[in-house]
Amino acid sequence: MISIVLSSYNGEKYISKQLTSLVNQTYKNIEIIVVDDCSSDTTLAIVKEFALKHEFITLYEGNKNLGYVKNFERGVRLAKGEYIAFCDQDDYWVPNKLELLIKAIGSYDVAYCDSQLVNNQLESMGKNMSTGHNFITSNNPLNFIIKNCVSGHAMIFKKDLLNEDFKFPKLIPHDWWVTFLASCSNGVIFVDEVLVKYRIHDTNQIGGDGHKKISKEAKNKQRKYRMKKFSEHLENLNHQKASIIHKLSNSYISNTIVNRFKRVFVFVSNVEEFFKISGRSNVKKYFYAFSMFFKIR
């Protein structure tokens, strides 16, 4: 069974269309878990109406606002399926999305697809999520150190990838963390199909005004935290790539001259693995690597 975990918050404008696309999936062995993060509009009423018609839809109302990452965490804990599919309230899934992903996942921990960027009316904006990037199949954690190409709305993953007492790290996007864990184990596989319509509108997190800009200091804090958590996880696994990320994480701690040289050396030595997702030319990859002397990214 696939547990679709939908995190909702004041989604009255789009959630009905999304729920309809979930109900119409060709893969039928599913449960839909809607975890609501204290909506104040008609979202709850809409979900309840769907739940009355479809017994595989369950609504869990929140008693305090958690934020979308912790809300997804709550939903995963409630899921009964062997597989988890994260779901945003404002997207639209192509009918055979789950069918194709479950066929592809095999021994991998994560399977993911491409997404089309659309406007409020689900009309194409002429770009996909993959535009300008390399969406990859990989079991190399170095490929996901600097950038992540696996969006939560586009993936399914094996629930046992997360242990029972898991918590999503507070400063790492939940989909990036799941992808990293998978890359350290059985890997991720890319299904080269557009199976999601991803809305760009005023309040969403990517591309819209809802994407909050953060300060340089906050970005650096996130990067240091991310590298530290990645390094700790690889060391706990005694992974063959652990020493590389350990050196990089240590170089992020402070911006001394010695650490700057160490950081550049690690980047230059592993440039192809670090930039596997990037659509940059080789010249730009090395320019980026050498720029690490002046800042962390």
C-alpha atoms as a PDB file:
ATOM      1  CA  MET A   1       0.000   0.000   0.000  1.00  0.00           C
ATOM      2  CA  ILE A   2       1.056   3.574  -0.699  1.00  0.00           C
ATOM      3  CA  SER A   3       0.201   6.129   1.964  1.00  0.00           C
ATOM      4  CA  ILE A   4      -0.327   9.547   0.398  1.00  0.00           C
ATOM      5  CA  VAL A   5       0.481  12.133   3.075  1.00  0.00           C
ATOM      6  CA  LEU A   6      -1.101  15.465   2.223  1.00  0.00           C
ATOM      7  CA  SER A   7      -0.163  18.461   4.355  1.00  0.00           C
ATOM      8  CA  SER A   8      -2.918  21.071   4.259  1.00  0.00           C
ATOM      9  CA  TYR A   9      -3.158  24.643   5.457  1.00  0.00           C
ATOM     10  CA  ASN A  10      -5.739  27.156   4.219  1.00  0.00           C
ATOM     11  CA  GLY A  11      -5.889  25.370   0.885  1.00  0.00           C
ATOM     12  CA  GLU A  12      -9.531  25.925  -0.028  1.00  0.00           C
ATOM     13  CA  LYS A  13      -8.621  27.391  -3.413  1.00  0.00           C
ATOM     14  CA  TYR A  14      -6.882  24.304  -4.818  1.00  0.00           C
ATOM     15  CA  ILE A  15      -7.271  21.291  -2.536  1.00  0.00           C
ATOM     16  CA  SER A  16     -10.462  19.957  -4.151  1.00  0.00           C
ATOM     17  CA  LYS A  17      -8.730  19.645  -7.536  1.00  0.00           C
ATOM     18  CA  GLN A  18      -5.768  17.915  -5.934  1.00  0.00           C
ATOM     19  CA  LEU A  19      -7.910  15.450  -3.976  1.00  0.00           C
ATOM     20  CA  THR A  20      -9.791  14.622  -7.162  1.00  0.00           C
ATOM     21  CA  SER A  21      -6.501  13.793  -8.891  1.00  0.00           C
ATOM     22  CA  LEU A  22      -5.555  11.517  -5.976  1.00  0.00           C
ATOM     23  CA  VAL A  23      -8.875   9.674  -5.984  1.00  0.00           C
ATOM     24  CA  ASN A  24      -8.500   9.134  -9.738  1.00  0.00           C
ATOM     25  CA  GLN A  25      -5.089   7.460  -9.522  1.00  0.00           C
ATOM     26  CA  THR A  26      -4.936   4.236 -11.530  1.00  0.00           C
ATOM     27  CA  TYR A  27      -3.025   2.604  -8.669  1.00  0.00           C
ATOM     28  CA  LYS A  28      -5.769   1.796  -6.165  1.00  0.00           C
ATOM     29  CA  ASN A  29      -3.999   0.259  -3.165  1.00  0.00           C
ATOM     30  CA  ILE A  30      -3.709   3.596  -1.375  1.00  0.00           C
ATOM     31  CA  GLU A  31      -4.694   5.496   1.726  1.00  0.00           C
ATOM     32  CA  ILE A  32      -4.872   9.283   1.754  1.00  0.00           C
ATOM     33  CA  ILE A  33      -3.873  10.892   5.041  1.00  0.00           C
ATOM     34  CA  VAL A  34      -4.677  14.589   5.236  1.00  0.00           C
ATOM     35  CA  VAL A  35      -2.862  16.249   8.135  1.00  0.00           C
ATOM     36  CA  ASP A  36      -4.239  19.746   8.560  1.00  0.00           C
ATOM     37  CA  ASP A  37      -2.095  22.428  10.177  1.00  0.00           C
ATOM     38  CA  CYS A  38      -4.898  24.482  11.805  1.00  0.00           C
ATOM     39  CA  SER A  39      -6.598  25.851   8.694  1.00  0.00           C
ATOM     40  CA  SER A  40      -8.958  28.785   9.273  1.00  0.00           C
ATOM     41  CA  ASP A  41     -10.738  28.677   5.897  1.00  0.00           C
ATOM     42  CA  THR A  42     -13.014  25.986   4.408  1.00  0.00           C
ATOM     43  CA  THR A  43     -10.219  23.427   3.855  1.00  0.00           C
ATOM     44  CA  LEU A  44     -11.501  21.115   6.612  1.00  0.00           C
ATOM     45  CA  ALA A  45     -15.043  21.132   5.243  1.00  0.00           C
ATOM     46  CA  ILE A  46     -13.797  20.253   1.759  1.00  0.00           C
ATOM     47  CA  VAL A  47     -11.672  17.361   3.025  1.00  0.00           C
ATOM     48  CA  LYS A  48     -14.495  16.038   5.200  1.00  0.00           C
ATOM     49  CA  GLU A  49     -16.797  15.984   2.189  1.00  0.00           C
ATOM     50  CA  PHE A  50     -14.268  13.885   0.259  1.00  0.00           C
ATOM     51  CA  ALA A  51     -13.741  11.590   3.267  1.00  0.00           C
ATOM     52  CA  LEU A  52     -17.472  10.878   3.446  1.00  0.00           C
ATOM     53  CA  LYS A  53     -17.376   9.617  -0.154  1.00  0.00           C
ATOM     54  CA  HIS A  54     -14.079   7.714   0.023  1.00  0.00           C
ATOM     55  CA  GLU A  55     -13.287   5.511   3.020  1.00  0.00           C
ATOM     56  CA  PHE A  56      -9.558   5.503   2.223  1.00  0.00           C
ATOM     57  CA  ILE A  57      -9.326   9.240   3.040  1.00  0.00           C
ATOM     58  CA  THR A  58      -8.651  10.143   6.678  1.00  0.00           C
ATOM     59  CA  LEU A  59      -8.437  13.666   8.067  1.00  0.00           C
ATOM     60  CA  TYR A  60      -6.306  14.489  11.089  1.00  0.00           C
ATOM     61  CA  GLU A  61      -6.894  17.958  12.474  1.00  0.00           C
ATOM     62  CA  GLY A  62      -4.076  19.772  14.251  1.00  0.00           C
ATOM     63  CA  ASN A  63      -4.361  21.487  17.614  1.00  0.00           C
ATOM     64  CA  LYS A  64      -1.405  23.799  17.030  1.00  0.00           C
ATOM     65  CA  ASN A  65       0.418  25.094  13.987  1.00  0.00           C
ATOM     66  CA  LEU A  66       3.499  22.969  13.285  1.00  0.00           C
ATOM     67  CA  GLY A  67       4.738  24.284   9.955  1.00  0.00           C
ATOM     68  CA  TYR A  68       4.740  22.116   6.843  1.00  0.00           C
ATOM     69  CA  VAL A  69       7.864  20.036   7.610  1.00  0.00           C
ATOM     70  CA  LYS A  70       6.726  18.931  11.070  1.00  0.00           C
ATOM     71  CA  ASN A  71       3.207  18.461   9.705  1.00  0.00           C
ATOM     72  CA  PHE A  72       4.564  16.038   7.099  1.00  0.00           C
ATOM     73  CA  GLU A  73       6.483  14.310   9.897  1.00  0.00           C
ATOM     74  CA  ARG A  74       3.219  13.842  11.788  1.00  0.00           C
ATOM     75  CA  GLY A  75       1.593  12.400   8.654  1.00  0.00           C
ATOM     76  CA  VAL A  76       4.397   9.897   8.057  1.00  0.00           C
ATOM     77  CA  ARG A  77       4.017   8.612  11.624  1.00  0.00           C
ATOM     78  CA  LEU A  78       0.312   8.029  10.972  1.00  0.00           C
ATOM     79  CA  ALA A  79       0.872   6.220   7.664  1.00  0.00           C
ATOM     80  CA  LYS A  80       0.221   2.475   7.442  1.00  0.00           C
ATOM     81  CA  GLY A  81       1.599   1.826   3.964  1.00  0.00           C
ATOM     82  CA  GLU A  82       4.923   0.287   2.983  1.00  0.00           C
ATOM     83  CA  TYR A  83       5.473   3.301   0.744  1.00  0.00           C
ATOM     84  CA  ILE A  84       4.984   7.017   1.383  1.00  0.00           C
ATOM     85  CA  ALA A  85       4.090   9.693  -1.150  1.00  0.00           C
ATOM     86  CA  PHE A  86       4.296  13.311  -0.001  1.00  0.00           C
ATOM     87  CA  CYS A  87       1.558  15.506  -1.432  1.00  0.00           C
ATOM     88  CA  ASP A  88       1.091  19.274  -1.608  1.00  0.00           C
ATOM     89  CA  GLN A  89      -2.422  20.680  -1.507  1.00  0.00           C
ATOM     90  CA  ASP A  90      -2.124  22.853  -4.604  1.00  0.00           C
ATOM     91  CA  ASP A  91      -0.686  20.467  -7.217  1.00  0.00           C
ATOM     92  CA  TYR A  92      -2.348  18.080  -9.651  1.00  0.00           C
ATOM     93  CA  TRP A  93      -1.214  14.500 -10.165  1.00  0.00           C
ATOM     94  CA  VAL A  94      -1.381  12.771 -13.548  1.00  0.00           C
ATOM     95  CA  PRO A  95      -3.613   9.646 -13.184  1.00  0.00           C
ATOM     96  CA  ASN A  96      -0.830   7.070 -13.601  1.00  0.00           C
ATOM     97  CA  LYS A  97       1.743   8.815 -11.383  1.00  0.00           C
ATOM     98  CA  LEU A  98       1.733   6.259  -8.570  1.00  0.00           C
ATOM     99  CA  GLU A  99       1.401   3.322 -10.942  1.00  0.00           C
ATOM    100  CA  LEU A 100       4.581   4.269 -12.819  1.00  0.00           C
ATOM    101  CA  LEU A 101       6.572   5.122  -9.688  1.00  0.00           C
ATOM    102  CA  ILE A 102       5.681   1.904  -7.853  1.00  0.00           C
ATOM    103  CA  LYS A 103       6.643  -0.115 -10.952  1.00  0.00           C
ATOM    104  CA  ALA A 104      10.003   1.641 -11.114  1.00  0.00           C
ATOM    105  CA  ILE A 105      11.122   1.653  -7.489  1.00  0.00           C
ATOM    106  CA  GLY A 106      12.183  -2.004  -7.278  1.00  0.00           C
ATOM    107  CA  SER A 107      15.152  -2.324  -4.924  1.00  0.00           C
ATOM    108  CA  TYR A 108      15.658   1.456  -4.753  1.00  0.00           C
ATOM    109  CA  ASP A 109      14.527   3.426  -1.690  1.00  0.00           C
ATOM    110  CA  VAL A 110      13.107   6.369  -3.666  1.00  0.00           C
ATOM    111  CA  ALA A 111      11.506   6.768  -7.079  1.00  0.00           C
ATOM    112  CA  TYR A 112      10.735  10.221  -8.439  1.00  0.00           C
ATOM    113  CA  CYS A 113       9.423  11.894 -11.572  1.00  0.00           C
ATOM    114  CA  ASP A 114       9.561  15.234 -13.358  1.00  0.00           C
ATOM    115  CA  SER A 115       6.992  17.994 -12.821  1.00  0.00           C
ATOM    116  CA  GLN A 116       5.542  20.607 -15.141  1.00  0.00           C
ATOM    117  CA  LEU A 117       5.364  24.210 -13.921  1.00  0.00           C
ATOM    118  CA  VAL A 118       1.837  25.547 -14.419  1.00  0.00           C
ATOM    119  CA  ASN A 119      -0.144  28.653 -13.519  1.00  0.00           C
ATOM    120  CA  ASN A 120      -3.280  28.931 -11.376  1.00  0.00           C
ATOM    121  CA  GLN A 121      -5.390  27.393 -14.149  1.00  0.00           C
ATOM    122  CA  LEU A 122      -3.002  24.433 -14.596  1.00  0.00           C
ATOM    123  CA  GLU A 123      -1.749  25.892 -17.889  1.00  0.00           C
ATOM    124  CA  SER A 124       1.853  25.132 -18.803  1.00  0.00           C
ATOM    125  CA  MET A 125       4.444  27.844 -18.225  1.00  0.00           C
ATOM    126  CA  GLY A 126       6.825  26.201 -20.700  1.00  0.00           C
ATOM    127  CA  LYS A 127       9.208  24.735 -18.132  1.00  0.00           C
ATOM    128  CA  ASN A 128       9.634  21.569 -16.114  1.00  0.00           C
ATOM    129  CA  MET A 129      11.371  21.104 -12.787  1.00  0.00           C
ATOM    130  CA  SER A 130      14.174  19.388 -14.688  1.00  0.00           C
ATOM    131  CA  THR A 131      14.789  22.353 -17.012  1.00  0.00           C
ATOM    132  CA  GLY A 132      18.450  23.309 -16.687  1.00  0.00           C
ATOM    133  CA  HIS A 133      19.283  20.408 -14.358  1.00  0.00           C
ATOM    134  CA  ASN A 134      20.307  16.777 -14.586  1.00  0.00           C
ATOM    135  CA  PHE A 135      17.709  14.585 -12.887  1.00  0.00           C
ATOM    136  CA  ILE A 136      19.670  11.485 -11.957  1.00  0.00           C
ATOM    137  CA  THR A 137      19.475   7.895 -10.775  1.00  0.00           C
ATOM    138  CA  SER A 138      22.085   7.541  -8.047  1.00  0.00           C
ATOM    139  CA  ASN A 139      23.235   5.817  -4.870  1.00  0.00           C
ATOM    140  CA  ASN A 140      26.071   8.287  -4.285  1.00  0.00           C
ATOM    141  CA  PRO A 141      25.438  10.734  -1.400  1.00  0.00           C
ATOM    142  CA  LEU A 142      28.031  13.165  -2.797  1.00  0.00           C
ATOM    143  CA  ASN A 143      25.611  13.894  -5.646  1.00  0.00           C
ATOM    144  CA  PHE A 144      23.140  15.389  -3.143  1.00  0.00           C
ATOM    145  CA  ILE A 145      25.478  17.337  -0.876  1.00  0.00           C
ATOM    146  CA  ILE A 146      25.127  20.721  -2.595  1.00  0.00           C
ATOM    147  CA  LYS A 147      21.828  20.380  -4.424  1.00  0.00           C
ATOM    148  CA  ASN A 148      18.702  18.207  -4.406  1.00  0.00           C
ATOM    149  CA  CYS A 149      16.678  17.365  -7.511  1.00  0.00           C
ATOM    150  CA  VAL A 150      14.070  15.147  -5.812  1.00  0.00           C
ATOM    151  CA  SER A 151      11.005  17.176  -4.816  1.00  0.00           C
ATOM    152  CA  GLY A 152       8.675  15.819  -2.157  1.00  0.00           C
ATOM    153  CA  HIS A 153       5.615  16.092  -4.381  1.00  0.00           C
ATOM    154  CA  ALA A 154       7.329  14.002  -7.072  1.00  0.00           C
ATOM    155  CA  MET A 155       8.599  11.068  -4.982  1.00  0.00           C
ATOM    156  CA  ILE A 156       7.548   7.853  -3.356  1.00  0.00           C
ATOM    157  CA  PHE A 157       9.822   6.186  -0.826  1.00  0.00           C
ATOM    158  CA  LYS A 158       9.949   3.073   1.315  1.00  0.00           C
ATOM    159  CA  LYS A 159       8.703   3.837   4.797  1.00  0.00           C
ATOM    160  CA  ASP A 160      11.375   1.677   6.424  1.00  0.00           C
ATOM    161  CA  LEU A 161      13.943   4.190   5.176  1.00  0.00           C
ATOM    162  CA  LEU A 162      12.908   6.142   8.288  1.00  0.00           C
ATOM    163  CA  ASN A 163      13.185   4.447  11.672  1.00  0.00           C
ATOM    164  CA  GLU A 164      10.315   4.575  14.146  1.00  0.00           C
ATOM    165  CA  ASP A 165      11.699   7.464  16.210  1.00  0.00           C
ATOM    166  CA  PHE A 166      12.782   9.580  13.224  1.00  0.00           C
ATOM    167  CA  LYS A 167      12.588  13.365  13.167  1.00  0.00           C
ATOM    168  CA  PHE A 168      13.146  15.538  10.137  1.00  0.00           C
ATOM    169  CA  PRO A 169      16.138  17.829  10.832  1.00  0.00           C
ATOM    170  CA  LYS A 170      14.879  21.333  11.529  1.00  0.00           C
ATOM    171  CA  LEU A 171      16.997  23.199   8.953  1.00  0.00           C
ATOM    172  CA  ILE A 172      16.951  20.666   6.096  1.00  0.00           C
ATOM    173  CA  PRO A 173      13.958  20.314   3.732  1.00  0.00           C
ATOM    174  CA  HIS A 174      12.203  17.015   4.435  1.00  0.00           C
ATOM    175  CA  ASP A 175      12.457  15.816   0.824  1.00  0.00           C
ATOM    176  CA  TRP A 176      16.190  16.568   0.694  1.00  0.00           C
ATOM    177  CA  TRP A 177      16.735  14.598   3.909  1.00  0.00           C
ATOM    178  CA  VAL A 178      14.786  11.571   2.616  1.00  0.00           C
ATOM    179  CA  THR A 179      16.733  11.729  -0.663  1.00  0.00           C
ATOM    180  CA  PHE A 180      20.055  11.889   1.166  1.00  0.00           C
ATOM    181  CA  LEU A 181      19.162   8.907   3.349  1.00  0.00           C
ATOM    182  CA  ALA A 182      18.221   6.933   0.232  1.00  0.00           C
ATOM    183  CA  SER A 183      21.462   7.882  -1.531  1.00  0.00           C
ATOM    184  CA  CYS A 184      23.390   6.438   1.417  1.00  0.00           C
ATOM    185  CA  SER A 185      21.538   3.133   1.111  1.00  0.00           C
ATOM    186  CA  ASN A 186      19.770   1.655  -1.942  1.00  0.00           C
ATOM    187  CA  GLY A 187      19.631   4.869  -3.933  1.00  0.00           C
ATOM    188  CA  VAL A 188      17.074   6.857  -5.922  1.00  0.00           C
ATOM    189  CA  ILE A 189      15.731   6.199  -9.412  1.00  0.00           C
ATOM    190  CA  PHE A 190      14.450   8.848 -11.823  1.00  0.00           C
ATOM    191  CA  VAL A 191      11.352   8.090 -13.902  1.00  0.00           C
ATOM    192  CA  ASP A 192      11.673  10.373 -16.916  1.00  0.00           C
ATOM    193  CA  GLU A 193       7.994  11.288 -17.134  1.00  0.00           C
ATOM    194  CA  VAL A 194       6.088  14.457 -16.233  1.00  0.00           C
ATOM    195  CA  LEU A 195       3.588  13.131 -13.686  1.00  0.00           C
ATOM    196  CA  VAL A 196       2.804  16.238 -11.614  1.00  0.00           C
ATOM    197  CA  LYS A 197       1.521  19.691 -12.495  1.00  0.00           C
ATOM    198  CA  TYR A 198       3.214  22.045 -10.034  1.00  0.00           C
ATOM    199  CA  ARG A 199       1.329  25.301  -9.583  1.00  0.00           C
ATOM    200  CA  ILE A 200       3.221  28.589  -9.402  1.00  0.00           C
ATOM    201  CA  HIS A 201       1.130  31.110  -7.504  1.00  0.00           C
ATOM    202  CA  ASP A 202       1.437  33.910  -4.957  1.00  0.00           C
ATOM    203  CA  THR A 203       1.620  31.793  -1.813  1.00  0.00           C
ATOM    204  CA  ASN A 204       3.566  28.652  -2.738  1.00  0.00           C
ATOM    205  CA  GLN A 205       7.088  27.907  -1.587  1.00  0.00           C
ATOM    206  CA  ILE A 206       8.851  27.740  -4.956  1.00  0.00           C
ATOM    207  CA  GLY A 207       8.535  30.493  -7.496  1.00  0.00           C
ATOM    208  CA  GLY A 208       5.746  32.435  -5.776  1.00  0.00           C
ATOM    209  CA  ASP A 209       5.711  35.344  -3.353  1.00  0.00           C
ATOM    210  CA  GLY A 210       5.289  32.798  -0.567  1.00  0.00           C
ATOM    211  CA  HIS A 211       8.959  31.886  -0.952  1.00  0.00           C
ATOM    212  CA  LYS A 212      10.530  33.854   1.875  1.00  0.00           C
ATOM    213  CA  LYS A 213      13.927  35.398   1.311  1.00  0.00           C
ATOM    214  CA  ILE A 214      16.361  34.783   4.122  1.00  0.00           C
ATOM    215  CA  SER A 215      19.508  36.619   5.156  1.00  0.00           C
ATOM    216  CA  LYS A 216      23.039  35.597   4.219  1.00  0.00           C
ATOM    217  CA  GLU A 217      23.680  34.702   7.853  1.00  0.00           C
ATOM    218  CA  ALA A 218      20.619  32.439   7.973  1.00  0.00           C
ATOM    219  CA  LYS A 219      21.650  30.727   4.733  1.00  0.00           C
ATOM    220  CA  ASN A 220      25.129  30.072   6.084  1.00  0.00           C
ATOM    221  CA  LYS A 221      23.640  28.651   9.272  1.00  0.00           C
ATOM    222  CA  GLN A 222      21.492  26.276   7.213  1.00  0.00           C
ATOM    223  CA  ARG A 223      24.454  25.181   5.100  1.00  0.00           C
ATOM    224  CA  LYS A 224      26.663  24.491   8.109  1.00  0.00           C
ATOM    225  CA  TYR A 225      23.855  22.568   9.810  1.00  0.00           C
ATOM    226  CA  ARG A 226      23.095  20.550   6.678  1.00  0.00           C
ATOM    227  CA  MET A 227      26.723  19.575   6.166  1.00  0.00           C
ATOM    228  CA  LYS A 228      27.068  18.638   9.826  1.00  0.00           C
ATOM    229  CA  LYS A 229      23.975  16.383   9.746  1.00  0.00           C
ATOM    230  CA  PHE A 230      25.069  14.773   6.478  1.00  0.00           C
ATOM    231  CA  SER A 231      28.535  14.128   7.900  1.00  0.00           C
ATOM    232  CA  GLU A 232      27.161  12.629  11.130  1.00  0.00           C
ATOM    233  CA  HIS A 233      24.856  10.286   9.226  1.00  0.00           C
ATOM    234  CA  LEU A 234      27.615   8.999   6.936  1.00  0.00           C
ATOM    235  CA  GLU A 235      29.962   8.493   9.877  1.00  0.00           C
ATOM    236  CA  ASN A 236      27.310   6.508  11.757  1.00  0.00           C
ATOM    237  CA  LEU A 237      26.999   4.245   8.714  1.00  0.00           C
ATOM    238  CA  ASN A 238      30.767   4.003   8.331  1.00  0.00           C
ATOM    239  CA  HIS A 239      30.102   4.944   4.701  1.00  0.00           C
ATOM    240  CA  GLN A 240      33.001   5.026   2.240  1.00  0.00           C
ATOM    241  CA  LYS A 241      32.271   8.693   1.445  1.00  0.00           C
ATOM    242  CA  ALA A 242      32.183   9.746   5.111  1.00  0.00           C
ATOM    243  CA  SER A 243      35.713  11.137   5.257  1.00  0.00           C
ATOM    244  CA  ILE A 244      35.046  13.492   2.329  1.00  0.00           C
ATOM    245  CA  ILE A 245      31.980  15.041   3.924  1.00  0.00           C
ATOM    246  CA  HIS A 246      33.679  15.128   7.335  1.00  0.00           C
ATOM    247  CA  LYS A 247      36.488  17.244   5.887  1.00  0.00           C
ATOM    248  CA  LEU A 248      33.989  19.510   4.155  1.00  0.00           C
ATOM    249  CA  SER A 249      31.851  19.895   7.274  1.00  0.00           C
ATOM    250  CA  ASN A 250      34.902  20.814   9.352  1.00  0.00           C
ATOM    251  CA  SER A 251      35.888  23.449   6.793  1.00  0.00           C
ATOM    252  CA  TYR A 252      32.434  25.027   7.145  1.00  0.00           C
ATOM    253  CA  ILE A 253      32.822  25.601  10.897  1.00  0.00           C
ATOM    254  CA  SER A 254      34.904  28.763  10.535  1.00  0.00           C
ATOM    255  CA  ASN A 255      36.198  30.829   7.653  1.00  0.00           C
ATOM    256  CA  THR A 256      39.913  30.756   8.501  1.00  0.00           C
ATOM    257  CA  ILE A 257      42.451  30.807   5.687  1.00  0.00           C
ATOM    258  CA  VAL A 258      43.305  27.161   6.375  1.00  0.00           C
ATOM    259  CA  ASN A 259      39.630  26.131   6.184  1.00  0.00           C
ATOM    260  CA  ARG A 260      39.156  28.089   2.972  1.00  0.00           C
ATOM    261  CA  PHE A 261      41.972  26.156   1.280  1.00  0.00           C
ATOM    262  CA  LYS A 262      40.639  22.862   2.652  1.00  0.00           C
ATOM    263  CA  ARG A 263      37.147  23.630   1.360  1.00  0.00           C
ATOM    264  CA  VAL A 264      38.385  24.467  -2.131  1.00  0.00           C
ATOM    265  CA  PHE A 265      40.539  21.332  -2.196  1.00  0.00           C
ATOM    266  CA  VAL A 266      37.572  19.095  -1.302  1.00  0.00           C
ATOM    267  CA  PHE A 267      35.369  20.751  -3.925  1.00  0.00           C
ATOM    268  CA  VAL A 268      37.968  20.578  -6.708  1.00  0.00           C
ATOM    269  CA  SER A 269      38.819  16.962  -5.875  1.00  0.00           C
ATOM    270  CA  ASN A 270      35.167  15.888  -6.069  1.00  0.00           C
ATOM    271  CA  VAL A 271      33.776  18.381  -8.563  1.00  0.00           C
ATOM    272  CA  GLU A 272      32.076  15.846 -10.845  1.00  0.00           C
ATOM    273  CA  GLU A 273      30.294  14.086  -7.980  1.00  0.00           C
ATOM    274  CA  PHE A 274      29.252  17.298  -6.220  1.00  0.00           C
ATOM    275  CA  PHE A 275      27.837  18.809  -9.420  1.00  0.00           C
ATOM    276  CA  LYS A 276      26.193  15.731 -10.926  1.00  0.00           C
ATOM    277  CA  ILE A 277      22.769  17.424 -10.785  1.00  0.00           C
ATOM    278  CA  SER A 278      23.967  20.805 -11.994  1.00  0.00           C
ATOM    279  CA  GLY A 279      23.512  21.784 -15.623  1.00  0.00           C
ATOM    280  CA  ARG A 280      26.622  23.986 -15.400  1.00  0.00           C
ATOM    281  CA  SER A 281      29.492  23.743 -17.869  1.00  0.00           C
ATOM    282  CA  ASN A 282      32.806  22.360 -16.585  1.00  0.00           C
ATOM    283  CA  VAL A 283      34.246  25.874 -16.489  1.00  0.00           C
ATOM    284  CA  LYS A 284      31.384  27.068 -14.264  1.00  0.00           C
ATOM    285  CA  LYS A 285      31.694  24.023 -12.018  1.00  0.00           C
ATOM    286  CA  TYR A 286      35.337  24.755 -11.322  1.00  0.00           C
ATOM    287  CA  PHE A 287      34.632  28.470 -10.926  1.00  0.00           C
ATOM    288  CA  TYR A 288      32.035  27.577  -8.299  1.00  0.00           C
ATOM    289  CA  ALA A 289      34.515  25.263  -6.581  1.00  0.00           C
ATOM    290  CA  PHE A 290      37.222  27.918  -6.393  1.00  0.00           C
ATOM    291  CA  SER A 291      34.689  30.532  -5.229  1.00  0.00           C
ATOM    292  CA  MET A 292      34.318  28.450  -2.055  1.00  0.00           C
ATOM    293  CA  PHE A 293      37.534  30.151  -0.908  1.00  0.00           C
ATOM    294  CA  PHE A 294      35.496  33.304  -0.284  1.00  0.00           C
ATOM    295  CA  LYS A 295      32.186  31.876   0.953  1.00  0.00           C
ATOM    296  CA  ILE A 296      30.306  28.674   1.745  1.00  0.00           C
ATOM    297  CA  ARG A 297      27.412  27.485  -0.381  1.00  0.00           C
END
